[in-house]
N, C-alpha and C. Protein backbone atom coordinates (compact mmCIF):
# COMPACT_ATOMS: atom_id res chain seq x y z
N GLU A 1 7.92 -14.15 -10.80
CA GLU A 1 8.09 -13.88 -12.29
C GLU A 1 6.34 -13.17 -12.57
N HIS A 2 5.71 -12.45 -11.39
CA HIS A 2 4.74 -12.26 -11.09
C HIS A 2 5.15 -10.11 -11.62
N ASN A 3 4.04 -10.28 -12.22
CA ASN A 3 4.08 -9.15 -11.95
C ASN A 3 3.64 -7.63 -11.50
N THR A 4 3.60 -6.83 -10.87
CA THR A 4 2.44 -6.87 -9.65
C THR A 4 0.89 -6.31 -9.95
N GLU A 5 0.57 -6.21 -11.29
CA GLU A 5 -0.91 -6.34 -11.25
C GLU A 5 -1.52 -7.77 -10.66
N GLN A 6 -0.16 -9.21 -10.97
CA GLN A 6 -1.10 -10.29 -10.53
C GLN A 6 -1.00 -10.56 -8.88
N ILE A 7 -0.02 -9.88 -8.37
CA ILE A 7 0.34 -9.87 -7.17
C ILE A 7 -0.35 -8.94 -5.87
N TYR A 8 -1.47 -7.94 -6.98
CA TYR A 8 -1.91 -6.93 -6.15
C TYR A 8 -3.26 -8.19 -5.94
N ASN A 9 -3.97 -8.50 -7.20
CA ASN A 9 -5.15 -9.57 -6.60
C ASN A 9 -5.03 -10.13 -6.78
N GLU A 10 -3.92 -11.44 -6.59
CA GLU A 10 -3.45 -12.89 -5.71
C GLU A 10 -3.65 -12.15 -3.57
N ILE A 11 -3.02 -11.41 -3.40
CA ILE A 11 -2.30 -11.34 -2.06
C ILE A 11 -3.24 -10.29 -1.40
N ALA A 12 -3.26 -8.61 -2.18
CA ALA A 12 -3.22 -7.86 -1.63
C ALA A 12 -4.43 -7.85 -1.49
N TYR A 13 -5.73 -7.18 -2.60
CA TYR A 13 -7.01 -6.91 -2.33
C TYR A 13 -7.81 -7.94 -1.76
N PRO A 14 -7.45 -9.28 -1.51
CA PRO A 14 -8.34 -9.59 -0.29
C PRO A 14 -8.40 -8.93 1.00
N LEU A 15 -6.98 -8.40 0.94
CA LEU A 15 -7.06 -7.74 1.88
C LEU A 15 -7.30 -6.12 2.51
N VAL A 16 -7.21 -5.97 0.82
CA VAL A 16 -7.91 -4.30 0.72
C VAL A 16 -9.17 -4.50 1.15
N GLU A 17 -9.58 -5.52 0.38
CA GLU A 17 -11.48 -4.50 0.23
C GLU A 17 -11.67 -5.34 2.16
N SER A 18 -11.43 -6.42 2.06
CA SER A 18 -11.13 -6.04 3.86
C SER A 18 -11.55 -4.66 4.78
N VAL A 19 -10.75 -4.37 4.68
CA VAL A 19 -10.29 -2.24 4.78
C VAL A 19 -11.50 -2.21 4.24
N THR A 20 -12.50 -2.06 2.71
CA THR A 20 -13.49 -1.76 2.77
C THR A 20 -14.99 -1.65 4.31
N GLU A 21 -14.19 -3.68 4.16
CA GLU A 21 -15.66 -3.80 4.89
C GLU A 21 -15.07 -3.32 6.28
N GLY A 22 -14.38 -2.70 6.69
CA GLY A 22 -13.98 -1.63 7.95
C GLY A 22 -13.27 -2.61 9.65
N TYR A 23 -12.77 -3.55 8.22
CA TYR A 23 -11.41 -4.07 8.90
C TYR A 23 -10.10 -3.33 9.30
N ASN A 24 -8.91 -3.67 9.45
CA ASN A 24 -7.17 -2.89 10.07
C ASN A 24 -7.07 -3.71 8.94
N SER A 25 -6.05 -3.48 7.86
CA SER A 25 -5.06 -4.30 7.41
C SER A 25 -3.88 -3.84 7.33
N THR A 26 -3.22 -4.72 7.39
CA THR A 26 -1.91 -4.34 6.21
C THR A 26 -0.56 -5.35 5.53
N ILE A 27 -0.09 -4.58 4.96
CA ILE A 27 0.88 -5.01 3.82
C ILE A 27 2.36 -5.26 3.96
N PHE A 28 3.13 -5.81 4.25
CA PHE A 28 4.55 -6.24 5.06
C PHE A 28 5.29 -6.18 4.17
N ALA A 29 6.12 -5.50 3.71
CA ALA A 29 7.00 -6.08 2.47
C ALA A 29 8.24 -6.58 3.14
N TYR A 30 9.37 -7.27 3.26
CA TYR A 30 10.26 -7.78 4.02
C TYR A 30 11.72 -8.14 2.46
N GLY A 31 12.78 -7.98 2.87
CA GLY A 31 13.36 -7.93 2.76
C GLY A 31 14.77 -7.57 2.22
N GLN A 32 15.97 -8.57 1.32
CA GLN A 32 16.93 -8.07 1.01
C GLN A 32 17.22 -6.28 0.52
N THR A 33 17.84 -5.33 0.85
CA THR A 33 18.79 -4.35 -0.25
C THR A 33 18.06 -5.01 -1.44
N GLY A 34 18.15 -4.43 -2.50
CA GLY A 34 17.12 -4.40 -3.80
C GLY A 34 16.75 -6.48 -4.12
N SER A 35 15.88 -6.15 -3.36
CA SER A 35 14.85 -7.88 -3.92
C SER A 35 13.71 -6.85 -4.13
N GLY A 36 13.70 -5.80 -4.48
CA GLY A 36 12.25 -5.00 -5.22
C GLY A 36 11.05 -4.80 -4.70
N LYS A 37 11.22 -4.41 -3.02
CA LYS A 37 10.37 -4.05 -2.34
C LYS A 37 9.26 -3.40 -2.32
N THR A 38 10.69 -2.14 -3.13
CA THR A 38 9.58 -0.52 -2.75
C THR A 38 9.37 -0.44 -4.10
N PHE A 39 9.14 -1.74 -5.50
CA PHE A 39 9.41 -1.47 -7.06
C PHE A 39 7.78 -2.55 -6.83
N THR A 40 7.33 -2.89 -5.71
CA THR A 40 6.25 -3.84 -6.06
C THR A 40 5.25 -2.83 -4.92
N MET A 41 6.12 -2.13 -4.10
CA MET A 41 5.00 -1.34 -2.86
C MET A 41 4.38 -0.35 -4.35
N LEU A 42 5.54 0.00 -4.51
CA LEU A 42 4.83 1.54 -5.75
C LEU A 42 5.02 2.02 -7.13
N GLY A 43 5.17 1.00 -8.06
CA GLY A 43 5.34 0.56 -9.25
C GLY A 43 6.03 1.34 -10.15
N VAL A 44 5.42 1.07 -11.65
CA VAL A 44 5.25 2.24 -11.66
C VAL A 44 4.20 3.10 -12.43
N LEU A 45 4.04 3.98 -13.57
CA LEU A 45 2.56 3.69 -13.83
C LEU A 45 2.21 3.52 -15.69
N GLU A 46 3.49 3.58 -16.41
CA GLU A 46 4.06 2.81 -17.28
C GLU A 46 4.21 1.43 -17.10
N PRO A 47 3.93 0.13 -17.93
CA PRO A 47 3.08 -0.29 -18.24
C PRO A 47 1.17 -0.38 -17.11
N SER A 48 0.70 -0.59 -17.08
CA SER A 48 -0.35 -0.46 -15.72
C SER A 48 -0.19 -1.23 -15.42
N THR A 49 -0.34 -2.80 -15.55
CA THR A 49 0.60 -3.56 -15.09
C THR A 49 1.18 -3.88 -14.01
N GLN A 50 2.20 -2.79 -14.61
CA GLN A 50 3.11 -2.28 -13.28
C GLN A 50 2.62 -1.34 -11.98
N LYS A 51 2.27 -1.13 -13.12
CA LYS A 51 1.26 0.23 -10.67
C LYS A 51 2.06 -1.11 -9.50
N GLY A 52 2.17 0.04 -9.01
CA GLY A 52 2.53 -0.95 -7.33
C GLY A 52 1.25 -1.02 -6.41
N ILE A 53 1.51 -1.70 -5.44
CA ILE A 53 0.55 -2.32 -4.51
C ILE A 53 0.06 -0.54 -3.68
N ILE A 54 -0.04 0.15 -3.70
CA ILE A 54 -0.06 0.69 -3.23
C ILE A 54 -0.86 1.67 -3.79
N PRO A 55 -1.20 2.10 -5.35
CA PRO A 55 -1.17 3.10 -6.31
C PRO A 55 -2.84 1.89 -6.85
N ARG A 56 -2.92 0.28 -6.18
CA ARG A 56 -4.18 -0.03 -6.98
C ARG A 56 -4.68 0.13 -5.37
N ALA A 57 -4.55 -0.04 -4.59
CA ALA A 57 -5.10 0.35 -3.20
C ALA A 57 -5.28 1.16 -2.55
N PHE A 58 -5.27 2.42 -3.42
CA PHE A 58 -6.00 3.68 -2.83
C PHE A 58 -6.32 4.56 -3.36
N GLU A 59 -6.71 3.06 -5.25
CA GLU A 59 -7.81 3.55 -6.39
C GLU A 59 -8.87 2.14 -5.68
N HIS A 60 -8.23 1.44 -5.53
CA HIS A 60 -9.80 0.10 -5.13
C HIS A 60 -10.16 0.67 -3.56
N ILE A 61 -9.70 1.56 -2.94
CA ILE A 61 -10.72 2.00 -1.17
C ILE A 61 -11.50 2.92 -2.05
N PHE A 62 -10.87 4.76 -3.00
CA PHE A 62 -11.87 4.97 -2.79
C PHE A 62 -12.93 5.12 -3.95
N GLU A 63 -12.56 4.01 -5.29
CA GLU A 63 -13.52 3.72 -5.24
C GLU A 63 -14.94 3.04 -5.18
N SER A 64 -14.45 2.03 -4.30
CA SER A 64 -15.51 1.49 -2.18
C SER A 64 -15.97 2.91 -2.56
N ILE A 65 -15.62 4.12 -2.15
CA ILE A 65 -15.90 4.85 -1.57
C ILE A 65 -16.77 5.61 -1.78
N GLN A 66 -16.68 5.90 -3.19
CA GLN A 66 -18.10 6.37 -4.53
C GLN A 66 -18.81 5.54 -4.44
N CYS A 67 -18.77 4.00 -4.55
CA CYS A 67 -19.82 3.54 -4.65
C CYS A 67 -21.21 2.95 -3.31
N ALA A 68 -20.55 3.49 -2.14
CA ALA A 68 -20.32 3.12 -1.31
C ALA A 68 -22.13 4.21 -1.15
N GLU A 69 -24.12 3.44 -0.83
CA GLU A 69 -24.70 4.69 -0.42
C GLU A 69 -24.59 4.88 0.88
N ASP A 70 -25.50 6.04 1.62
CA ASP A 70 -25.43 5.90 3.62
C ASP A 70 -23.86 5.49 4.43
N ALA A 71 -23.08 5.37 3.56
CA ALA A 71 -22.06 5.46 5.23
C ALA A 71 -21.46 6.49 4.94
N LYS A 72 -20.16 6.90 6.35
CA LYS A 72 -19.04 7.23 6.47
C LYS A 72 -17.92 7.11 5.53
N PHE A 73 -16.80 7.61 6.70
CA PHE A 73 -15.85 6.74 5.79
C PHE A 73 -14.02 7.40 6.33
N LEU A 74 -13.50 6.98 6.63
CA LEU A 74 -12.18 7.51 7.50
C LEU A 74 -10.87 6.93 6.78
N VAL A 75 -9.72 7.78 6.46
CA VAL A 75 -9.36 6.80 5.14
C VAL A 75 -8.06 7.68 6.27
N ARG A 76 -6.97 6.37 7.02
CA ARG A 76 -5.97 6.29 7.43
C ARG A 76 -4.90 5.79 6.84
N ALA A 77 -3.22 6.15 6.27
CA ALA A 77 -2.76 5.00 5.53
C ALA A 77 -1.16 5.77 6.41
N SER A 78 -0.33 4.98 6.30
CA SER A 78 1.43 4.83 6.52
C SER A 78 2.20 4.42 6.02
N TYR A 79 2.90 4.59 6.06
CA TYR A 79 4.11 4.60 5.14
C TYR A 79 5.41 4.02 5.84
N LEU A 80 5.32 3.21 6.76
CA LEU A 80 7.13 3.28 7.23
C LEU A 80 7.75 2.28 6.72
N GLU A 81 8.87 2.83 6.85
CA GLU A 81 10.22 2.13 7.02
C GLU A 81 11.12 2.13 7.66
N ILE A 82 11.20 0.47 7.55
CA ILE A 82 12.70 0.47 9.55
C ILE A 82 13.68 -0.24 8.50
N TYR A 83 14.40 0.57 9.18
CA TYR A 83 16.26 0.34 8.01
C TYR A 83 16.69 0.63 9.28
N ASN A 84 18.28 -0.28 10.03
CA ASN A 84 18.86 -0.03 10.99
C ASN A 84 18.57 -0.19 11.99
N GLU A 85 17.04 -0.41 11.78
CA GLU A 85 16.31 -0.30 13.97
C GLU A 85 16.26 1.77 13.65
N ASP A 86 16.40 2.03 12.86
CA ASP A 86 15.43 3.37 13.13
C ASP A 86 14.25 3.45 11.92
N ILE A 87 13.69 3.65 12.87
CA ILE A 87 12.00 3.76 11.82
C ILE A 87 11.43 4.89 10.71
N ARG A 88 11.51 5.64 9.75
CA ARG A 88 10.86 6.65 9.20
C ARG A 88 9.59 6.48 8.48
N ASP A 89 7.92 7.74 8.55
CA ASP A 89 7.12 7.50 8.09
C ASP A 89 7.37 8.38 6.69
N LEU A 90 7.52 7.36 5.63
CA LEU A 90 7.79 7.47 4.05
C LEU A 90 6.41 8.47 3.63
N LEU A 91 5.28 8.47 4.32
CA LEU A 91 3.68 9.93 3.96
C LEU A 91 4.41 11.17 4.96
N GLY A 92 5.09 11.21 6.22
CA GLY A 92 5.43 12.31 6.84
C GLY A 92 5.41 13.40 6.37
N ALA A 93 5.58 14.56 6.12
CA ALA A 93 7.32 15.44 5.65
C ALA A 93 7.97 15.81 5.40
N ASP A 94 8.10 15.04 7.04
CA ASP A 94 9.89 15.50 7.01
C ASP A 94 10.09 13.32 7.47
N THR A 95 10.77 12.85 5.67
CA THR A 95 10.82 11.27 5.64
C THR A 95 12.47 11.69 6.69
N LYS A 96 13.32 12.08 6.23
CA LYS A 96 14.44 11.97 7.20
C LYS A 96 13.72 11.55 8.52
N GLN A 97 12.82 12.52 9.11
CA GLN A 97 12.87 12.35 10.61
C GLN A 97 12.80 11.16 10.86
N LYS A 98 13.97 10.44 12.18
CA LYS A 98 12.99 8.93 13.32
C LYS A 98 11.60 9.71 13.91
N LEU A 99 11.06 8.19 14.25
CA LEU A 99 10.34 7.96 14.51
C LEU A 99 10.37 7.27 15.11
N GLU A 100 9.82 7.68 17.47
CA GLU A 100 10.02 7.25 18.48
C GLU A 100 10.16 5.88 18.76
């Protein structure tokens, strides 16, 4: 019964904050088909309280980079789907291609 803003603030914010401090982090969405994993991760643009974890994390990271002084950043992200023992990179050029 939480919206994605509350989920981000309570669960993902501390993880993303640690990323801005140089640590690796993973957010893992697991559950049955139709349970809301994709919605929680992507959300919708309006209302803004329903924006997903991924867009919120990107905003958080890039706002932190803009505020940082005398620092260099390398940002890498992956968005993988594991379904029926097949792995796909959902940020890749061909989202239907299976990964080894």
